[in-house]
């Protein structure tokens, strides 16, 4: 997929967390597409500029982590990229300004394995 190639060339990436509202779109982006196809457009998602790293964030994501590659571990035919988070973005309704805390009870995050 393009993400692995992009990390190798730029050493930067964004982790876009997914909640239930964009779960179906996440599944669409995981399809098998030729190199250079914009999966975000196919899924109906929008890219917005990041503030520190070159790769864009997903506008609809409840939280995004702008990262730089620290190291990549090759394990058989797979790789694990470990990054240092340089900036975190969180949707306003998920943060309690008065208590200065993330409202974890409002995060309905999901993952795909």
PDB file of N, CA and C in Angstrom:
ATOM      1  N   UNK A   1       0.848  -1.194   0.000  1.00  0.00           N
ATOM      2  CA  UNK A   1       0.000   0.000   0.000  1.00  0.00           C
ATOM      3  C   UNK A   1       0.887   1.249   0.000  1.00  0.00           C
ATOM      4  N   UNK A   2       0.316   2.349  -0.361  1.00  0.00           N
ATOM      5  CA  UNK A   2       1.073   3.602  -0.473  1.00  0.00           C
ATOM      6  C   UNK A   2       1.630   4.089   0.862  1.00  0.00           C
ATOM      7  N   UNK A   3       0.947   3.801   1.957  1.00  0.00           N
ATOM      8  CA  UNK A   3       1.394   4.303   3.256  1.00  0.00           C
ATOM      9  C   UNK A   3       2.807   3.832   3.573  1.00  0.00           C
ATOM     10  N   UNK A   4       3.077   2.558   3.389  1.00  0.00           N
ATOM     11  CA  UNK A   4       4.410   2.031   3.689  1.00  0.00           C
ATOM     12  C   UNK A   4       5.473   2.682   2.806  1.00  0.00           C
ATOM     13  N   UNK A   5       5.166   2.862   1.521  1.00  0.00           N
ATOM     14  CA  UNK A   5       6.113   3.524   0.617  1.00  0.00           C
ATOM     15  C   UNK A   5       6.349   4.968   1.037  1.00  0.00           C
ATOM     16  N   UNK A   6       5.276   5.654   1.422  1.00  0.00           N
ATOM     17  CA  UNK A   6       5.399   7.052   1.831  1.00  0.00           C
ATOM     18  C   UNK A   6       6.230   7.196   3.103  1.00  0.00           C
ATOM     19  N   UNK A   7       6.041   6.300   4.061  1.00  0.00           N
ATOM     20  CA  UNK A   7       6.829   6.378   5.292  1.00  0.00           C
ATOM     21  C   UNK A   7       8.303   6.149   4.981  1.00  0.00           C
ATOM     22  N   UNK A   8       8.592   5.186   4.115  1.00  0.00           N
ATOM     23  CA  UNK A   8       9.990   4.925   3.760  1.00  0.00           C
ATOM     24  C   UNK A   8      10.647   6.121   3.088  1.00  0.00           C
ATOM     25  N   UNK A   9       9.881   6.868   2.291  1.00  0.00           N
ATOM     26  CA  UNK A   9      10.495   7.987   1.571  1.00  0.00           C
ATOM     27  C   UNK A   9      10.523   9.279   2.376  1.00  0.00           C
ATOM     28  N   UNK A  10       9.518   9.513   3.240  1.00  0.00           N
ATOM     29  CA  UNK A  10       9.463  10.785   3.975  1.00  0.00           C
ATOM     30  C   UNK A  10       9.796  10.660   5.456  1.00  0.00           C
ATOM     31  N   UNK A  11       9.686   9.445   6.005  1.00  0.00           N
ATOM     32  CA  UNK A  11       9.898   9.185   7.437  1.00  0.00           C
ATOM     33  C   UNK A  11       8.886   9.936   8.303  1.00  0.00           C
ATOM     34  N   UNK A  12       7.733  10.230   7.719  1.00  0.00           N
ATOM     35  CA  UNK A  12       6.647  10.915   8.421  1.00  0.00           C
ATOM     36  C   UNK A  12       5.334  10.211   8.112  1.00  0.00           C
ATOM     37  N   UNK A  13       4.384  10.281   9.065  1.00  0.00           N
ATOM     38  CA  UNK A  13       3.076   9.682   8.832  1.00  0.00           C
ATOM     39  C   UNK A  13       2.081  10.255   9.820  1.00  0.00           C
ATOM     40  N   UNK A  14       0.809  10.009   9.561  1.00  0.00           N
ATOM     41  CA  UNK A  14      -0.262  10.431  10.459  1.00  0.00           C
ATOM     42  C   UNK A  14      -1.089   9.201  10.805  1.00  0.00           C
ATOM     43  N   UNK A  15      -1.337   9.011  12.087  1.00  0.00           N
ATOM     44  CA  UNK A  15      -2.245   7.971  12.542  1.00  0.00           C
ATOM     45  C   UNK A  15      -3.595   8.645  12.755  1.00  0.00           C
ATOM     46  N   UNK A  16      -4.570   8.273  11.942  1.00  0.00           N
ATOM     47  CA  UNK A  16      -5.915   8.826  12.051  1.00  0.00           C
ATOM     48  C   UNK A  16      -6.779   7.816  12.790  1.00  0.00           C
ATOM     49  N   UNK A  17      -7.230   8.169  13.975  1.00  0.00           N
ATOM     50  CA  UNK A  17      -8.065   7.265  14.752  1.00  0.00           C
ATOM     51  C   UNK A  17      -9.469   7.263  14.165  1.00  0.00           C
ATOM     52  N   UNK A  18     -10.131   6.136  14.292  1.00  0.00           N
ATOM     53  CA  UNK A  18     -11.432   5.930  13.653  1.00  0.00           C
ATOM     54  C   UNK A  18     -12.474   5.643  14.714  1.00  0.00           C
ATOM     55  N   UNK A  19     -13.638   6.279  14.573  1.00  0.00           N
ATOM     56  CA  UNK A  19     -14.760   5.963  15.459  1.00  0.00           C
ATOM     57  C   UNK A  19     -15.878   5.333  14.631  1.00  0.00           C
ATOM     58  N   UNK A  20     -16.968   5.020  15.297  1.00  0.00           N
ATOM     59  CA  UNK A  20     -18.067   4.321  14.639  1.00  0.00           C
ATOM     60  C   UNK A  20     -18.654   5.093  13.459  1.00  0.00           C
ATOM     61  N   UNK A  21     -18.597   6.418  13.514  1.00  0.00           N
ATOM     62  CA  UNK A  21     -19.224   7.213  12.459  1.00  0.00           C
ATOM     63  C   UNK A  21     -18.499   7.101  11.117  1.00  0.00           C
ATOM     64  N   UNK A  22     -17.213   6.775  11.137  1.00  0.00           N
ATOM     65  CA  UNK A  22     -16.467   6.657   9.874  1.00  0.00           C
ATOM     66  C   UNK A  22     -15.932   5.241   9.652  1.00  0.00           C
ATOM     67  N   UNK A  23     -16.506   4.266  10.362  1.00  0.00           N
ATOM     68  CA  UNK A  23     -16.040   2.877  10.249  1.00  0.00           C
ATOM     69  C   UNK A  23     -16.186   2.338   8.832  1.00  0.00           C
ATOM     70  N   UNK A  24     -17.312   2.583   8.198  1.00  0.00           N
ATOM     71  CA  UNK A  24     -17.528   2.069   6.849  1.00  0.00           C
ATOM     72  C   UNK A  24     -16.529   2.690   5.869  1.00  0.00           C
ATOM     73  N   UNK A  25     -16.275   3.980   6.034  1.00  0.00           N
ATOM     74  CA  UNK A  25     -15.295   4.645   5.164  1.00  0.00           C
ATOM     75  C   UNK A  25     -13.906   4.045   5.375  1.00  0.00           C
ATOM     76  N   UNK A  26     -13.550   3.727   6.630  1.00  0.00           N
ATOM     77  CA  UNK A  26     -12.254   3.109   6.909  1.00  0.00           C
ATOM     78  C   UNK A  26     -12.130   1.801   6.136  1.00  0.00           C
ATOM     79  N   UNK A  27     -13.186   1.005   6.146  1.00  0.00           N
ATOM     80  CA  UNK A  27     -13.139  -0.261   5.420  1.00  0.00           C
ATOM     81  C   UNK A  27     -12.942  -0.040   3.923  1.00  0.00           C
ATOM     82  N   UNK A  28     -13.559   1.004   3.379  1.00  0.00           N
ATOM     83  CA  UNK A  28     -13.387   1.292   1.950  1.00  0.00           C
ATOM     84  C   UNK A  28     -11.938   1.652   1.633  1.00  0.00           C
ATOM     85  N   UNK A  29     -11.287   2.398   2.525  1.00  0.00           N
ATOM     86  CA  UNK A  29      -9.900   2.804   2.260  1.00  0.00           C
ATOM     87  C   UNK A  29      -8.950   1.612   2.293  1.00  0.00           C
ATOM     88  N   UNK A  30      -9.361   0.517   2.909  1.00  0.00           N
ATOM     89  CA  UNK A  30      -8.501  -0.659   3.029  1.00  0.00           C
ATOM     90  C   UNK A  30      -8.580  -1.568   1.805  1.00  0.00           C
ATOM     91  N   UNK A  31      -9.337  -1.165   0.805  1.00  0.00           N
ATOM     92  CA  UNK A  31      -9.465  -1.982  -0.400  1.00  0.00           C
ATOM     93  C   UNK A  31      -8.157  -2.075  -1.161  1.00  0.00           C
ATOM     94  N   UNK A  32      -8.110  -2.989  -2.098  1.00  0.00           N
ATOM     95  CA  UNK A  32      -6.934  -3.154  -2.948  1.00  0.00           C
ATOM     96  C   UNK A  32      -7.081  -2.248  -4.161  1.00  0.00           C
ATOM     97  N   UNK A  33      -6.272  -1.220  -4.189  1.00  0.00           N
ATOM     98  CA  UNK A  33      -6.313  -0.238  -5.274  1.00  0.00           C
ATOM     99  C   UNK A  33      -4.933  -0.122  -5.898  1.00  0.00           C
ATOM    100  N   UNK A  34      -4.856   0.242  -7.162  1.00  0.00           N
ATOM    101  CA  UNK A  34      -3.546   0.464  -7.781  1.00  0.00           C
ATOM    102  C   UNK A  34      -2.817   1.631  -7.108  1.00  0.00           C
ATOM    103  N   UNK A  35      -1.497   1.604  -7.209  1.00  0.00           N
ATOM    104  CA  UNK A  35      -0.670   2.681  -6.660  1.00  0.00           C
ATOM    105  C   UNK A  35      -1.134   4.020  -7.214  1.00  0.00           C
ATOM    106  N   UNK A  36      -1.249   5.001  -6.334  1.00  0.00           N
ATOM    107  CA  UNK A  36      -1.620   6.342  -6.751  1.00  0.00           C
ATOM    108  C   UNK A  36      -3.101   6.647  -6.687  1.00  0.00           C
ATOM    109  N   UNK A  37      -3.944   5.638  -6.458  1.00  0.00           N
ATOM    110  CA  UNK A  37      -5.386   5.878  -6.336  1.00  0.00           C
ATOM    111  C   UNK A  37      -5.654   6.507  -4.973  1.00  0.00           C
ATOM    112  N   UNK A  38      -6.473   7.550  -4.943  1.00  0.00           N
ATOM    113  CA  UNK A  38      -6.788   8.249  -3.699  1.00  0.00           C
ATOM    114  C   UNK A  38      -7.940   7.537  -2.983  1.00  0.00           C
ATOM    115  N   UNK A  39      -7.583   6.733  -1.988  1.00  0.00           N
ATOM    116  CA  UNK A  39      -8.580   5.971  -1.241  1.00  0.00           C
ATOM    117  C   UNK A  39      -9.533   6.873  -0.463  1.00  0.00           C
ATOM    118  N   UNK A  40      -9.060   8.029  -0.050  1.00  0.00           N
ATOM    119  CA  UNK A  40      -9.928   8.951   0.701  1.00  0.00           C
ATOM    120  C   UNK A  40     -11.085   9.419  -0.160  1.00  0.00           C
ATOM    121  N   UNK A  41     -10.809   9.747  -1.412  1.00  0.00           N
ATOM    122  CA  UNK A  41     -11.878  10.176  -2.324  1.00  0.00           C
ATOM    123  C   UNK A  41     -12.897   9.060  -2.517  1.00  0.00           C
ATOM    124  N   UNK A  42     -12.429   7.848  -2.702  1.00  0.00           N
ATOM    125  CA  UNK A  42     -13.325   6.701  -2.885  1.00  0.00           C
ATOM    126  C   UNK A  42     -14.222   6.525  -1.660  1.00  0.00           C
ATOM    127  N   UNK A  43     -13.672   6.756  -0.466  1.00  0.00           N
ATOM    128  CA  UNK A  43     -14.417   6.569   0.781  1.00  0.00           C
ATOM    129  C   UNK A  43     -15.248   7.785   1.173  1.00  0.00           C
ATOM    130  N   UNK A  44     -15.113   8.882   0.433  1.00  0.00           N
ATOM    131  CA  UNK A  44     -15.865  10.086   0.765  1.00  0.00           C
ATOM    132  C   UNK A  44     -15.292  10.854   1.950  1.00  0.00           C
ATOM    133  N   UNK A  45     -13.991  10.729   2.165  1.00  0.00           N
ATOM    134  CA  UNK A  45     -13.325  11.438   3.259  1.00  0.00           C
ATOM    135  C   UNK A  45     -12.491  12.586   2.693  1.00  0.00           C
ATOM    136  N   UNK A  46     -12.200  13.560   3.539  1.00  0.00           N
ATOM    137  CA  UNK A  46     -11.439  14.730   3.101  1.00  0.00           C
ATOM    138  C   UNK A  46     -10.089  14.792   3.800  1.00  0.00           C
ATOM    139  N   UNK A  47      -9.067  15.163   3.047  1.00  0.00           N
ATOM    140  CA  UNK A  47      -7.734  15.380   3.613  1.00  0.00           C
ATOM    141  C   UNK A  47      -7.580  16.855   3.976  1.00  0.00           C
ATOM    142  N   UNK A  48      -6.941  17.100   5.126  1.00  0.00           N
ATOM    143  CA  UNK A  48      -6.609  18.460   5.543  1.00  0.00           C
ATOM    144  C   UNK A  48      -5.120  18.499   5.875  1.00  0.00           C
ATOM    145  N   UNK A  49      -4.494  19.650   5.690  1.00  0.00           N
ATOM    146  CA  UNK A  49      -3.050  19.718   5.968  1.00  0.00           C
ATOM    147  C   UNK A  49      -2.736  19.438   7.435  1.00  0.00           C
ATOM    148  N   UNK A  50      -1.629  18.761   7.639  1.00  0.00           N
ATOM    149  CA  UNK A  50      -1.099  18.591   8.991  1.00  0.00           C
ATOM    150  C   UNK A  50      -0.335  19.855   9.349  1.00  0.00           C
ATOM    151  N   UNK A  51      -0.011  20.015  10.616  1.00  0.00           N
ATOM    152  CA  UNK A  51       0.685  21.237  11.014  1.00  0.00           C
ATOM    153  C   UNK A  51       2.193  21.053  11.160  1.00  0.00           C
ATOM    154  N   UNK A  52       2.657  19.812  11.297  1.00  0.00           N
ATOM    155  CA  UNK A  52       4.093  19.581  11.474  1.00  0.00           C
ATOM    156  C   UNK A  52       4.664  18.652  10.403  1.00  0.00           C
ATOM    157  N   UNK A  53       3.947  17.580  10.073  1.00  0.00           N
ATOM    158  CA  UNK A  53       4.445  16.617   9.093  1.00  0.00           C
ATOM    159  C   UNK A  53       3.818  16.877   7.721  1.00  0.00           C
ATOM    160  N   UNK A  54       4.459  16.328   6.698  1.00  0.00           N
ATOM    161  CA  UNK A  54       3.988  16.548   5.334  1.00  0.00           C
ATOM    162  C   UNK A  54       2.684  15.813   5.006  1.00  0.00           C
ATOM    163  N   UNK A  55       2.512  14.551   5.413  1.00  0.00           N
ATOM    164  CA  UNK A  55       1.263  13.854   5.058  1.00  0.00           C
ATOM    165  C   UNK A  55       0.042  14.546   5.676  1.00  0.00           C
ATOM    166  N   UNK A  56      -1.061  14.575   4.952  1.00  0.00           N
ATOM    167  CA  UNK A  56      -2.275  15.219   5.487  1.00  0.00           C
ATOM    168  C   UNK A  56      -2.978  14.338   6.506  1.00  0.00           C
ATOM    169  N   UNK A  57      -3.893  14.966   7.243  1.00  0.00           N
ATOM    170  CA  UNK A  57      -4.761  14.259   8.199  1.00  0.00           C
ATOM    171  C   UNK A  57      -6.108  14.028   7.526  1.00  0.00           C
ATOM    172  N   UNK A  58      -6.928  13.188   8.146  1.00  0.00           N
ATOM    173  CA  UNK A  58      -8.293  12.981   7.676  1.00  0.00           C
ATOM    174  C   UNK A  58      -9.209  13.883   8.490  1.00  0.00           C
ATOM    175  N   UNK A  59      -9.918  14.767   7.815  1.00  0.00           N
ATOM    176  CA  UNK A  59     -10.750  15.771   8.488  1.00  0.00           C
ATOM    177  C   UNK A  59     -11.791  15.147   9.405  1.00  0.00           C
ATOM    178  N   UNK A  60     -12.379  14.039   8.999  1.00  0.00           N
ATOM    179  CA  UNK A  60     -13.464  13.419   9.759  1.00  0.00           C
ATOM    180  C   UNK A  60     -12.980  12.603  10.955  1.00  0.00           C
ATOM    181  N   UNK A  61     -11.697  12.406  11.083  1.00  0.00           N
ATOM    182  CA  UNK A  61     -11.158  11.608  12.185  1.00  0.00           C
ATOM    183  C   UNK A  61     -11.338  12.339  13.516  1.00  0.00           C
ATOM    184  N   UNK A  62     -11.801  11.636  14.560  1.00  0.00           N
ATOM    185  CA  UNK A  62     -11.963  12.292  15.855  1.00  0.00           C
ATOM    186  C   UNK A  62     -10.627  12.683  16.490  1.00  0.00           C
ATOM    187  N   UNK A  63      -9.568  11.988  16.125  1.00  0.00           N
ATOM    188  CA  UNK A  63      -8.237  12.299  16.635  1.00  0.00           C
ATOM    189  C   UNK A  63      -7.207  11.851  15.615  1.00  0.00           C
ATOM    190  N   UNK A  64      -6.148  12.648  15.485  1.00  0.00           N
ATOM    191  CA  UNK A  64      -5.062  12.330  14.556  1.00  0.00           C
ATOM    192  C   UNK A  64      -3.742  12.603  15.253  1.00  0.00           C
ATOM    193  N   UNK A  65      -2.769  11.752  14.972  1.00  0.00           N
ATOM    194  CA  UNK A  65      -1.438  11.882  15.567  1.00  0.00           C
ATOM    195  C   UNK A  65      -0.422  12.088  14.450  1.00  0.00           C
ATOM    196  N   UNK A  66       0.217  13.246  14.441  1.00  0.00           N
ATOM    197  CA  UNK A  66       1.267  13.518  13.468  1.00  0.00           C
ATOM    198  C   UNK A  66       2.562  12.930  14.012  1.00  0.00           C
ATOM    199  N   UNK A  67       3.192  12.067  13.225  1.00  0.00           N
ATOM    200  CA  UNK A  67       4.348  11.313  13.719  1.00  0.00           C
ATOM    201  C   UNK A  67       5.541  11.381  12.772  1.00  0.00           C
ATOM    202  N   UNK A  68       6.722  11.193  13.361  1.00  0.00           N
ATOM    203  CA  UNK A  68       7.933  10.959  12.584  1.00  0.00           C
ATOM    204  C   UNK A  68       8.423   9.561  12.932  1.00  0.00           C
ATOM    205  N   UNK A  69       8.962   8.896  11.930  1.00  0.00           N
ATOM    206  CA  UNK A  69       9.437   7.523  12.116  1.00  0.00           C
ATOM    207  C   UNK A  69      10.620   7.500  13.067  1.00  0.00           C
ATOM    208  N   UNK A  70      10.560   6.640  14.050  1.00  0.00           N
ATOM    209  CA  UNK A  70      11.683   6.428  14.971  1.00  0.00           C
ATOM    210  C   UNK A  70      12.474   5.215  14.524  1.00  0.00           C
ATOM    211  N   UNK A  71      11.753   4.127  14.246  1.00  0.00           N
ATOM    212  CA  UNK A  71      12.394   2.951  13.669  1.00  0.00           C
ATOM    213  C   UNK A  71      11.331   2.065  13.037  1.00  0.00           C
ATOM    214  N   UNK A  72      11.780   1.203  12.170  1.00  0.00           N
ATOM    215  CA  UNK A  72      10.900   0.228  11.550  1.00  0.00           C
ATOM    216  C   UNK A  72      11.486  -1.148  11.772  1.00  0.00           C
ATOM    217  N   UNK A  73      10.656  -2.041  12.293  1.00  0.00           N
ATOM    218  CA  UNK A  73      11.061  -3.420  12.536  1.00  0.00           C
ATOM    219  C   UNK A  73      10.500  -4.290  11.424  1.00  0.00           C
ATOM    220  N   UNK A  74      11.356  -5.039  10.764  1.00  0.00           N
ATOM    221  CA  UNK A  74      10.912  -5.983   9.747  1.00  0.00           C
ATOM    222  C   UNK A  74      10.797  -7.344  10.405  1.00  0.00           C
ATOM    223  N   UNK A  75       9.596  -7.882  10.349  1.00  0.00           N
ATOM    224  CA  UNK A  75       9.320  -9.178  10.966  1.00  0.00           C
ATOM    225  C   UNK A  75       8.753 -10.075   9.877  1.00  0.00           C
ATOM    226  N   UNK A  76       9.588 -10.931   9.333  1.00  0.00           N
ATOM    227  CA  UNK A  76       9.165 -11.749   8.201  1.00  0.00           C
ATOM    228  C   UNK A  76       8.796 -10.849   7.039  1.00  0.00           C
ATOM    229  N   UNK A  77       7.598 -11.051   6.485  1.00  0.00           N
ATOM    230  CA  UNK A  77       7.124 -10.237   5.363  1.00  0.00           C
ATOM    231  C   UNK A  77       6.383  -8.994   5.842  1.00  0.00           C
ATOM    232  N   UNK A  78       6.347  -8.780   7.138  1.00  0.00           N
ATOM    233  CA  UNK A  78       5.612  -7.644   7.714  1.00  0.00           C
ATOM    234  C   UNK A  78       6.579  -6.639   8.319  1.00  0.00           C
ATOM    235  N   UNK A  79       6.058  -5.458   8.581  1.00  0.00           N
ATOM    236  CA  UNK A  79       6.869  -4.437   9.254  1.00  0.00           C
ATOM    237  C   UNK A  79       6.020  -3.721  10.289  1.00  0.00           C
ATOM    238  N   UNK A  80       6.686  -3.285  11.339  1.00  0.00           N
ATOM    239  CA  UNK A  80       6.052  -2.487  12.384  1.00  0.00           C
ATOM    240  C   UNK A  80       6.793  -1.159  12.416  1.00  0.00           C
ATOM    241  N   UNK A  81       6.064  -0.076  12.193  1.00  0.00           N
ATOM    242  CA  UNK A  81       6.661   1.255  12.219  1.00  0.00           C
ATOM    243  C   UNK A  81       6.396   1.865  13.592  1.00  0.00           C
ATOM    244  N   UNK A  82       7.453   2.306  14.241  1.00  0.00           N
ATOM    245  CA  UNK A  82       7.333   2.976  15.532  1.00  0.00           C
ATOM    246  C   UNK A  82       7.621   4.451  15.297  1.00  0.00           C
ATOM    247  N   UNK A  83       6.702   5.284  15.758  1.00  0.00           N
ATOM    248  CA  UNK A  83       6.845   6.716  15.520  1.00  0.00           C
ATOM    249  C   UNK A  83       6.827   7.520  16.801  1.00  0.00           C
ATOM    250  N   UNK A  84       7.333   8.716  16.697  1.00  0.00           N
ATOM    251  CA  UNK A  84       7.279   9.696  17.785  1.00  0.00           C
ATOM    252  C   UNK A  84       6.176  10.684  17.424  1.00  0.00           C
ATOM    253  N   UNK A  85       5.211  10.843  18.320  1.00  0.00           N
ATOM    254  CA  UNK A  85       4.111  11.763  18.075  1.00  0.00           C
ATOM    255  C   UNK A  85       4.624  13.194  18.268  1.00  0.00           C
ATOM    256  N   UNK A  86       4.467  14.002  17.232  1.00  0.00           N
ATOM    257  CA  UNK A  86       4.912  15.397  17.279  1.00  0.00           C
ATOM    258  C   UNK A  86       3.761  16.361  17.541  1.00  0.00           C
ATOM    259  N   UNK A  87       2.545  15.968  17.142  1.00  0.00           N
ATOM    260  CA  UNK A  87       1.378  16.809  17.392  1.00  0.00           C
ATOM    261  C   UNK A  87       0.150  15.909  17.391  1.00  0.00           C
ATOM    262  N   UNK A  88      -0.754  16.173  18.321  1.00  0.00           N
ATOM    263  CA  UNK A  88      -2.019  15.443  18.397  1.00  0.00           C
ATOM    264  C   UNK A  88      -3.155  16.418  18.119  1.00  0.00           C
ATOM    265  N   UNK A  89      -4.139  15.961  17.364  1.00  0.00           N
ATOM    266  CA  UNK A  89      -5.340  16.740  17.065  1.00  0.00           C
ATOM    267  C   UNK A  89      -6.523  15.979  17.638  1.00  0.00           C
ATOM    268  N   UNK A  90      -7.415  16.693  18.282  1.00  0.00           N
ATOM    269  CA  UNK A  90      -8.581  16.079  18.901  1.00  0.00           C
ATOM    270  C   UNK A  90      -9.788  16.955  18.625  1.00  0.00           C
ATOM    271  N   UNK A  91     -10.883  16.323  18.209  1.00  0.00           N
ATOM    272  CA  UNK A  91     -12.114  17.064  17.966  1.00  0.00           C
ATOM    273  C   UNK A  91     -12.525  17.787  19.250  1.00  0.00           C
ATOM    274  N   UNK A  92     -12.973  19.033  19.129  1.00  0.00           N
ATOM    275  CA  UNK A  92     -13.275  19.890  20.281  1.00  0.00           C
ATOM    276  C   UNK A  92     -14.220  19.252  21.289  1.00  0.00           C
ATOM    277  N   UNK A  93     -15.237  18.535  20.817  1.00  0.00           N
ATOM    278  CA  UNK A  93     -16.219  17.962  21.738  1.00  0.00           C
ATOM    279  C   UNK A  93     -15.662  16.786  22.541  1.00  0.00           C
ATOM    280  N   UNK A  94     -14.429  16.393  22.273  1.00  0.00           N
ATOM    281  CA  UNK A  94     -13.819  15.270  22.978  1.00  0.00           C
ATOM    282  C   UNK A  94     -12.821  15.716  24.042  1.00  0.00           C
ATOM    283  N   UNK A  95     -12.784  17.024  24.318  1.00  0.00           N
ATOM    284  CA  UNK A  95     -11.838  17.549  25.300  1.00  0.00           C
ATOM    285  C   UNK A  95     -12.553  18.458  26.275  1.00  0.00           C
ATOM    286  N   UNK A  96     -12.326  18.229  27.562  1.00  0.00           N
ATOM    287  CA  UNK A  96     -12.881  19.068  28.624  1.00  0.00           C
ATOM    288  C   UNK A  96     -11.838  20.132  28.958  1.00  0.00           C
ATOM    289  N   UNK A  97     -12.087  21.353  28.513  1.00  0.00           N
ATOM    290  CA  UNK A  97     -11.119  22.444  28.703  1.00  0.00           C
ATOM    291  C   UNK A  97     -10.942  22.753  30.178  1.00  0.00           C
ATOM    292  N   UNK A  98     -12.031  22.767  30.917  1.00  0.00           N
ATOM    293  CA  UNK A  98     -11.960  23.111  32.345  1.00  0.00           C
ATOM    294  C   UNK A  98     -11.110  22.114  33.128  1.00  0.00           C
ATOM    295  N   UNK A  99     -11.314  20.832  32.863  1.00  0.00           N
ATOM    296  CA  UNK A  99     -10.566  19.788  33.585  1.00  0.00           C
ATOM    297  C   UNK A  99      -9.274  19.394  32.880  1.00  0.00           C
ATOM    298  N   UNK A 100      -9.057  19.941  31.665  1.00  0.00           N
ATOM    299  CA  UNK A 100      -7.868  19.645  30.877  1.00  0.00           C
ATOM    300  C   UNK A 100      -7.675  18.141  30.690  1.00  0.00           C
ATOM    301  N   UNK A 101      -8.740  17.479  30.190  1.00  0.00           N
ATOM    302  CA  UNK A 101      -8.637  16.043  29.966  1.00  0.00           C
ATOM    303  C   UNK A 101      -9.445  15.621  28.738  1.00  0.00           C
ATOM    304  N   UNK A 102      -8.995  14.532  28.148  1.00  0.00           N
ATOM    305  CA  UNK A 102      -9.713  13.925  27.040  1.00  0.00           C
ATOM    306  C   UNK A 102     -10.918  13.195  27.612  1.00  0.00           C
ATOM    307  N   UNK A 103     -12.050  13.358  26.956  1.00  0.00           N
ATOM    308  CA  UNK A 103     -13.280  12.694  27.397  1.00  0.00           C
ATOM    309  C   UNK A 103     -13.347  11.304  26.776  1.00  0.00           C
ATOM    310  N   UNK A 104     -12.618  10.389  27.398  1.00  0.00           N
ATOM    311  CA  UNK A 104     -12.518   9.032  26.884  1.00  0.00           C
ATOM    312  C   UNK A 104     -13.856   8.338  26.740  1.00  0.00           C
ATOM    313  N   UNK A 105     -14.807   8.702  27.583  1.00  0.00           N
ATOM    314  CA  UNK A 105     -16.130   8.076  27.517  1.00  0.00           C
ATOM    315  C   UNK A 105     -16.902   8.489  26.262  1.00  0.00           C
ATOM    316  N   UNK A 106     -16.414   9.505  25.561  1.00  0.00           N
ATOM    317  CA  UNK A 106     -17.058   9.938  24.312  1.00  0.00           C
ATOM    318  C   UNK A 106     -16.327   9.404  23.077  1.00  0.00           C
ATOM    319  N   UNK A 107     -15.186   8.801  23.294  1.00  0.00           N
ATOM    320  CA  UNK A 107     -14.419   8.216  22.185  1.00  0.00           C
ATOM    321  C   UNK A 107     -14.914   6.803  21.946  1.00  0.00           C
ATOM    322  N   UNK A 108     -15.504   6.575  20.827  1.00  0.00           N
ATOM    323  CA  UNK A 108     -15.956   5.238  20.475  1.00  0.00           C
ATOM    324  C   UNK A 108     -15.059   4.712  19.355  1.00  0.00           C
ATOM    325  N   UNK A 109     -13.768   4.566  19.692  1.00  0.00           N
ATOM    326  CA  UNK A 109     -12.764   4.189  18.707  1.00  0.00           C
ATOM    327  C   UNK A 109     -12.861   2.712  18.360  1.00  0.00           C
ATOM    328  N   UNK A 110     -12.555   2.431  17.115  1.00  0.00           N
ATOM    329  CA  UNK A 110     -12.527   1.048  16.650  1.00  0.00           C
ATOM    330  C   UNK A 110     -11.232   0.844  15.879  1.00  0.00           C
ATOM    331  N   UNK A 111     -10.903  -0.410  15.624  1.00  0.00           N
ATOM    332  CA  UNK A 111      -9.708  -0.736  14.852  1.00  0.00           C
ATOM    333  C   UNK A 111     -10.002  -1.858  13.890  1.00  0.00           C
ATOM    334  N   UNK A 112      -9.130  -2.049  12.950  1.00  0.00           N
ATOM    335  CA  UNK A 112      -9.278  -3.120  11.972  1.00  0.00           C
ATOM    336  C   UNK A 112      -8.020  -3.965  12.028  1.00  0.00           C
ATOM    337  N   UNK A 113      -8.184  -5.245  12.108  1.00  0.00           N
ATOM    338  CA  UNK A 113      -7.026  -6.142  12.191  1.00  0.00           C
ATOM    339  C   UNK A 113      -6.913  -6.954  10.920  1.00  0.00           C
TER     340      UNK A 113
END
